[in-house]
Each structure stands twice: as structure tokens, then as C-alpha cells.
């Protein structure tokens, strides 16, 4: 490694040089795509563990009895609406967090220009 690369690496590791907003944009999109995928994967994994439990046969009997109930159908509809709202809020707050980071970098760059 030459001295300029080494110095840049040390400056980055010691927080004298900040990440660029371009990296933040990449992280934002990676998180915006991966978060719902990971949540869905966790949900499926949890459901499969419940289905493998010793109480699974009793659960199947109870499920068959209650699936026809109007109350259960209303609760399922409410759960779906709640899941959609939660997803949208999660994405909204993820976006707001990264907008804050980008604004921070813009302020940092402006202060560096003012300081000369």
C-alpha cells in the first residue's frame, strides 16, 4: 500500500473522513428490500416451528372449528390491515432515518466549506 491509500484508510477508520451519501443510498435500498424479506422469512420460520410442536394436532382441530367463524374472519382482516400499516410505517421510518443521515452529511460539508 502506498502512503496515500494508507492515510485515506486510517482517516476513514478514525472517522476523520466520512462515508459518502452515495453509500447511504445503497444501504437504504438494500435495507428497504431486505427488511420485508427478513420479516417474512422469520414469520414463516416461526409458523413452521409451531406446526411441528406436539400440540399441532390439537391446533389443527381447533383451526378447523374456528376458521368458519365470522369473528375469526374479522380478526384475520384486521391482522392483514395491521400488517400492511406496519410495513408502510416501517418503510416510512427507514426512509426518514436515511434522509436525516443525508442531511447530516450535507450540513457537515457546508460547515467544512465555511471553515475553509
N, C-alpha and C. Protein backbone atom coordinates (compact mmCIF):
# COMPACT_ATOMS: atom_id res chain seq x y z
N UNK A 1 0.84 -1.19 0.00
CA UNK A 1 0.00 0.00 0.00
C UNK A 1 0.88 1.25 0.00
N UNK A 2 0.52 2.21 -0.80
CA UNK A 2 1.27 3.45 -0.76
C UNK A 2 0.76 4.34 0.36
N UNK A 3 1.44 5.45 0.61
CA UNK A 3 1.10 6.29 1.76
C UNK A 3 -0.23 6.98 1.61
N UNK A 4 -0.65 7.31 0.38
CA UNK A 4 -1.94 7.99 0.21
C UNK A 4 -3.09 7.05 0.53
N UNK A 5 -2.99 5.78 0.09
CA UNK A 5 -4.04 4.80 0.39
C UNK A 5 -4.07 4.51 1.89
N UNK A 6 -2.91 4.34 2.46
CA UNK A 6 -2.82 4.06 3.89
C UNK A 6 -3.38 5.21 4.70
N UNK A 7 -3.06 6.43 4.31
CA UNK A 7 -3.54 7.60 5.02
C UNK A 7 -5.07 7.72 4.88
N UNK A 8 -5.59 7.46 3.71
CA UNK A 8 -7.03 7.52 3.49
C UNK A 8 -7.74 6.45 4.33
N UNK A 9 -7.17 5.26 4.37
CA UNK A 9 -7.75 4.19 5.17
C UNK A 9 -7.73 4.55 6.65
N UNK A 10 -6.62 5.07 7.14
CA UNK A 10 -6.53 5.48 8.55
C UNK A 10 -7.49 6.62 8.85
N UNK A 11 -7.61 7.57 7.92
CA UNK A 11 -8.56 8.66 8.11
C UNK A 11 -9.99 8.14 8.18
N UNK A 12 -10.32 7.18 7.34
CA UNK A 12 -11.66 6.60 7.35
C UNK A 12 -11.91 5.84 8.66
N UNK A 13 -10.95 5.04 9.08
CA UNK A 13 -11.11 4.24 10.30
C UNK A 13 -11.13 5.10 11.56
N UNK A 14 -10.52 6.27 11.52
CA UNK A 14 -10.52 7.15 12.68
C UNK A 14 -11.62 8.21 12.60
N UNK A 15 -12.51 8.10 11.62
CA UNK A 15 -13.66 8.99 11.44
C UNK A 15 -13.27 10.43 11.09
N UNK A 16 -12.07 10.61 10.53
CA UNK A 16 -11.72 11.95 10.02
C UNK A 16 -12.32 12.15 8.64
N UNK A 17 -12.57 11.07 7.91
CA UNK A 17 -13.24 11.10 6.61
C UNK A 17 -14.55 10.33 6.77
N UNK A 18 -15.65 10.91 6.30
CA UNK A 18 -16.97 10.29 6.46
C UNK A 18 -17.37 9.52 5.21
N UNK A 19 -18.28 8.57 5.41
CA UNK A 19 -18.84 7.85 4.25
C UNK A 19 -19.56 8.85 3.35
N UNK A 20 -19.67 8.51 2.11
CA UNK A 20 -20.37 9.42 1.21
C UNK A 20 -21.88 9.13 1.24
N UNK A 21 -22.68 10.13 0.90
CA UNK A 21 -24.13 9.90 0.81
C UNK A 21 -24.49 8.83 -0.22
N UNK A 22 -23.64 8.60 -1.21
CA UNK A 22 -23.92 7.56 -2.20
C UNK A 22 -23.95 6.18 -1.53
N UNK A 23 -23.07 5.97 -0.56
CA UNK A 23 -23.08 4.70 0.18
C UNK A 23 -24.38 4.58 0.99
N UNK A 24 -24.82 5.70 1.55
CA UNK A 24 -26.07 5.69 2.30
C UNK A 24 -27.25 5.32 1.42
N UNK A 25 -27.27 5.80 0.20
CA UNK A 25 -28.36 5.47 -0.72
C UNK A 25 -28.37 3.97 -1.00
N UNK A 26 -27.20 3.40 -1.21
CA UNK A 26 -27.12 1.95 -1.42
C UNK A 26 -27.60 1.18 -0.20
N UNK A 27 -27.19 1.62 1.00
CA UNK A 27 -27.64 0.96 2.22
C UNK A 27 -29.14 1.10 2.42
N UNK A 28 -29.68 2.27 2.05
CA UNK A 28 -31.12 2.48 2.17
C UNK A 28 -31.89 1.46 1.33
N UNK A 29 -31.52 1.36 0.05
CA UNK A 29 -32.25 0.46 -0.83
C UNK A 29 -32.05 -1.00 -0.43
N UNK A 30 -30.86 -1.35 0.03
CA UNK A 30 -30.63 -2.72 0.50
C UNK A 30 -31.53 -3.03 1.70
N UNK A 31 -31.62 -2.09 2.63
CA UNK A 31 -32.47 -2.30 3.80
C UNK A 31 -33.95 -2.27 3.46
N UNK A 32 -34.34 -1.40 2.54
CA UNK A 32 -35.76 -1.30 2.16
C UNK A 32 -36.23 -2.58 1.49
N UNK A 33 -35.33 -3.27 0.81
CA UNK A 33 -35.71 -4.53 0.16
C UNK A 33 -35.56 -5.71 1.12
N UNK A 34 -34.49 -5.72 1.89
CA UNK A 34 -34.19 -6.88 2.74
C UNK A 34 -35.06 -6.95 4.00
N UNK A 35 -35.46 -5.82 4.56
CA UNK A 35 -36.25 -5.85 5.79
C UNK A 35 -37.56 -6.63 5.62
N UNK A 36 -38.37 -6.35 4.60
CA UNK A 36 -39.59 -7.14 4.44
C UNK A 36 -39.31 -8.62 4.16
N UNK A 37 -38.25 -8.89 3.41
CA UNK A 37 -37.89 -10.28 3.11
C UNK A 37 -37.53 -11.01 4.40
N UNK A 38 -36.73 -10.37 5.25
CA UNK A 38 -36.33 -10.99 6.52
C UNK A 38 -37.51 -11.17 7.47
N UNK A 39 -38.40 -10.20 7.50
CA UNK A 39 -39.60 -10.33 8.34
C UNK A 39 -40.46 -11.50 7.88
N UNK A 40 -40.66 -11.62 6.56
CA UNK A 40 -41.45 -12.72 6.02
C UNK A 40 -40.78 -14.06 6.31
N UNK A 41 -39.45 -14.13 6.17
CA UNK A 41 -38.71 -15.35 6.46
C UNK A 41 -38.86 -15.74 7.93
N UNK A 42 -38.74 -14.74 8.83
CA UNK A 42 -38.90 -15.01 10.26
C UNK A 42 -40.30 -15.50 10.57
N UNK A 43 -41.31 -14.90 9.94
CA UNK A 43 -42.70 -15.32 10.14
C UNK A 43 -42.88 -16.78 9.71
N UNK A 44 -42.39 -17.12 8.52
CA UNK A 44 -42.53 -18.50 8.02
C UNK A 44 -41.80 -19.49 8.93
N UNK A 45 -40.63 -19.12 9.40
CA UNK A 45 -39.85 -19.99 10.30
C UNK A 45 -40.61 -20.20 11.61
N UNK A 46 -41.20 -19.15 12.14
CA UNK A 46 -41.96 -19.26 13.39
C UNK A 46 -43.19 -20.14 13.22
N UNK A 47 -43.90 -19.96 12.12
CA UNK A 47 -45.10 -20.76 11.86
C UNK A 47 -44.73 -22.23 11.70
N UNK A 48 -43.62 -22.51 11.02
CA UNK A 48 -43.23 -23.92 10.83
C UNK A 48 -42.86 -24.56 12.16
N UNK A 49 -42.26 -23.80 13.08
CA UNK A 49 -41.94 -24.35 14.41
C UNK A 49 -43.22 -24.65 15.19
N UNK A 50 -44.21 -23.78 15.05
CA UNK A 50 -45.49 -24.01 15.73
C UNK A 50 -46.16 -25.26 15.16
N UNK A 51 -46.09 -25.43 13.84
CA UNK A 51 -46.71 -26.59 13.21
C UNK A 51 -46.02 -27.89 13.59
N UNK A 52 -44.78 -27.84 14.01
CA UNK A 52 -44.05 -29.04 14.40
C UNK A 52 -44.15 -29.34 15.89
N UNK A 53 -44.87 -28.51 16.62
CA UNK A 53 -44.97 -28.71 18.06
C UNK A 53 -45.88 -29.90 18.38
N UNK A 54 -45.77 -30.44 19.60
CA UNK A 54 -46.62 -31.58 19.98
C UNK A 54 -48.12 -31.24 19.97
N UNK A 55 -48.44 -29.99 20.08
CA UNK A 55 -49.85 -29.57 20.10
C UNK A 55 -50.41 -29.33 18.70
N UNK A 56 -49.64 -29.65 17.67
CA UNK A 56 -50.06 -29.35 16.29
C UNK A 56 -51.36 -30.05 15.91
N UNK A 57 -51.57 -31.29 16.37
CA UNK A 57 -52.81 -31.99 16.01
C UNK A 57 -54.02 -31.32 16.66
N UNK A 58 -53.85 -30.86 17.90
CA UNK A 58 -54.96 -30.15 18.57
C UNK A 58 -55.19 -28.81 17.90
N UNK A 59 -54.11 -28.18 17.47
CA UNK A 59 -54.23 -26.90 16.79
C UNK A 59 -55.02 -27.05 15.50
N UNK A 60 -54.78 -28.14 14.77
CA UNK A 60 -55.48 -28.37 13.50
C UNK A 60 -56.98 -28.54 13.74
N UNK A 61 -57.34 -29.25 14.78
CA UNK A 61 -58.77 -29.44 15.10
C UNK A 61 -59.42 -28.11 15.47
N UNK A 62 -58.74 -27.34 16.31
CA UNK A 62 -59.29 -26.05 16.71
C UNK A 62 -59.37 -25.10 15.52
N UNK A 63 -58.38 -25.15 14.66
CA UNK A 63 -58.37 -24.28 13.48
C UNK A 63 -59.55 -24.60 12.57
N UNK A 64 -59.82 -25.86 12.38
CA UNK A 64 -60.94 -26.26 11.53
C UNK A 64 -62.26 -25.76 12.11
N UNK A 65 -62.39 -25.80 13.43
CA UNK A 65 -63.63 -25.36 14.07
C UNK A 65 -63.79 -23.84 13.99
N UNK A 66 -62.72 -23.12 14.16
CA UNK A 66 -62.82 -21.66 14.23
C UNK A 66 -62.69 -20.95 12.90
N UNK A 67 -62.17 -21.61 11.88
CA UNK A 67 -62.00 -20.95 10.59
C UNK A 67 -63.31 -20.48 9.98
N UNK A 68 -64.39 -21.13 10.32
CA UNK A 68 -65.68 -20.77 9.74
C UNK A 68 -66.35 -19.63 10.50
N UNK A 69 -65.81 -19.28 11.64
CA UNK A 69 -66.41 -18.25 12.48
C UNK A 69 -66.22 -16.87 11.85
N UNK A 70 -67.28 -16.05 11.90
CA UNK A 70 -67.19 -14.69 11.36
C UNK A 70 -66.24 -13.83 12.17
N UNK A 71 -66.18 -14.07 13.47
CA UNK A 71 -65.28 -13.31 14.33
C UNK A 71 -63.83 -13.55 13.93
N UNK A 72 -63.50 -14.80 13.65
CA UNK A 72 -62.14 -15.12 13.23
C UNK A 72 -61.82 -14.45 11.91
N UNK A 73 -62.78 -14.45 10.98
CA UNK A 73 -62.57 -13.81 9.69
C UNK A 73 -62.32 -12.30 9.86
N UNK A 74 -63.08 -11.66 10.76
CA UNK A 74 -62.87 -10.23 11.01
C UNK A 74 -61.49 -9.98 11.61
N UNK A 75 -61.07 -10.86 12.53
CA UNK A 75 -59.74 -10.71 13.13
C UNK A 75 -58.64 -10.91 12.09
N UNK A 76 -58.85 -11.83 11.15
CA UNK A 76 -57.87 -12.03 10.09
C UNK A 76 -57.77 -10.78 9.22
N UNK A 77 -58.92 -10.19 8.90
CA UNK A 77 -58.91 -8.97 8.09
C UNK A 77 -58.20 -7.84 8.83
N UNK A 78 -58.48 -7.70 10.13
CA UNK A 78 -57.81 -6.67 10.92
C UNK A 78 -56.31 -6.93 10.99
N UNK A 79 -55.92 -8.17 11.11
CA UNK A 79 -54.50 -8.52 11.17
C UNK A 79 -53.80 -8.18 9.86
N UNK A 80 -54.48 -8.42 8.74
CA UNK A 80 -53.88 -8.09 7.44
C UNK A 80 -53.73 -6.58 7.29
N UNK A 81 -54.76 -5.83 7.67
CA UNK A 81 -54.67 -4.36 7.60
C UNK A 81 -53.56 -3.86 8.52
N UNK A 82 -53.47 -4.42 9.71
CA UNK A 82 -52.42 -4.02 10.65
C UNK A 82 -51.04 -4.35 10.11
N UNK A 83 -50.88 -5.50 9.47
CA UNK A 83 -49.60 -5.89 8.89
C UNK A 83 -49.20 -4.94 7.76
N UNK A 84 -50.15 -4.55 6.93
CA UNK A 84 -49.86 -3.61 5.84
C UNK A 84 -49.47 -2.25 6.39
N UNK A 85 -50.20 -1.78 7.40
CA UNK A 85 -49.88 -0.49 8.01
C UNK A 85 -48.51 -0.53 8.68
N UNK A 86 -48.20 -1.62 9.34
CA UNK A 86 -46.89 -1.77 9.99
C UNK A 86 -45.78 -1.75 8.95
N UNK A 87 -45.98 -2.45 7.85
CA UNK A 87 -45.00 -2.46 6.78
C UNK A 87 -44.77 -1.06 6.23
N UNK A 88 -45.84 -0.34 5.96
CA UNK A 88 -45.71 1.02 5.41
C UNK A 88 -45.01 1.95 6.40
N UNK A 89 -45.36 1.85 7.68
CA UNK A 89 -44.70 2.68 8.68
C UNK A 89 -43.23 2.34 8.82
N UNK A 90 -42.90 1.05 8.75
CA UNK A 90 -41.51 0.62 8.82
C UNK A 90 -40.71 1.23 7.67
N UNK A 91 -41.26 1.17 6.47
CA UNK A 91 -40.58 1.74 5.31
C UNK A 91 -40.48 3.26 5.42
N UNK A 92 -41.52 3.89 5.94
CA UNK A 92 -41.54 5.34 6.11
C UNK A 92 -40.44 5.78 7.08
N UNK A 93 -40.34 5.11 8.24
CA UNK A 93 -39.33 5.48 9.22
C UNK A 93 -37.92 5.13 8.75
N UNK A 94 -37.77 4.07 7.99
CA UNK A 94 -36.48 3.73 7.40
C UNK A 94 -36.03 4.86 6.47
N UNK A 95 -36.96 5.35 5.66
CA UNK A 95 -36.66 6.45 4.73
C UNK A 95 -36.30 7.71 5.51
N UNK A 96 -37.06 8.03 6.55
CA UNK A 96 -36.80 9.23 7.35
C UNK A 96 -35.41 9.17 8.00
N UNK A 97 -35.03 8.01 8.49
CA UNK A 97 -33.73 7.85 9.12
C UNK A 97 -32.61 8.16 8.13
N UNK A 98 -32.74 7.65 6.92
CA UNK A 98 -31.69 7.89 5.93
C UNK A 98 -31.72 9.32 5.41
N UNK A 99 -32.89 9.95 5.35
CA UNK A 99 -32.94 11.36 4.99
C UNK A 99 -32.21 12.20 6.03
N UNK A 100 -32.35 11.83 7.30
CA UNK A 100 -31.62 12.53 8.36
C UNK A 100 -30.12 12.38 8.16
N UNK A 101 -29.66 11.17 7.85
CA UNK A 101 -28.23 10.95 7.63
C UNK A 101 -27.70 11.78 6.46
N UNK A 102 -28.44 11.82 5.37
CA UNK A 102 -28.02 12.59 4.20
C UNK A 102 -27.98 14.08 4.55
N UNK A 103 -28.98 14.56 5.29
CA UNK A 103 -28.99 15.97 5.71
C UNK A 103 -27.80 16.26 6.62
N UNK A 104 -27.45 15.32 7.47
CA UNK A 104 -26.28 15.49 8.34
C UNK A 104 -25.02 15.67 7.50
N UNK A 105 -24.84 14.83 6.48
CA UNK A 105 -23.66 14.96 5.64
C UNK A 105 -23.65 16.26 4.87
N UNK A 106 -24.80 16.72 4.43
CA UNK A 106 -24.87 18.00 3.73
C UNK A 106 -24.48 19.15 4.67
N UNK A 107 -24.96 19.08 5.93
CA UNK A 107 -24.58 20.10 6.90
C UNK A 107 -23.08 20.03 7.19
N UNK A 108 -22.56 18.84 7.32
CA UNK A 108 -21.14 18.66 7.58
C UNK A 108 -20.30 19.27 6.44
N UNK A 109 -20.68 18.97 5.20
CA UNK A 109 -19.95 19.53 4.06
C UNK A 109 -20.05 21.05 4.01
N UNK A 110 -21.21 21.61 4.33
CA UNK A 110 -21.38 23.06 4.33
C UNK A 110 -20.50 23.70 5.42
N UNK A 111 -20.44 23.07 6.58
CA UNK A 111 -19.60 23.62 7.66
C UNK A 111 -18.12 23.53 7.30
N UNK A 112 -17.71 22.46 6.64
CA UNK A 112 -16.32 22.34 6.22
C UNK A 112 -15.98 23.43 5.21
N UNK A 113 -16.90 23.74 4.29
CA UNK A 113 -16.65 24.81 3.30
C UNK A 113 -16.56 26.17 4.00
N UNK A 114 -17.44 26.39 4.99
CA UNK A 114 -17.41 27.67 5.73
C UNK A 114 -16.10 27.81 6.51
N UNK A 115 -15.67 26.70 7.12
CA UNK A 115 -14.44 26.73 7.92
C UNK A 115 -13.22 26.96 7.06
N UNK A 116 -13.33 26.62 5.79
CA UNK A 116 -12.25 26.88 4.84
C UNK A 116 -11.26 25.80 4.84
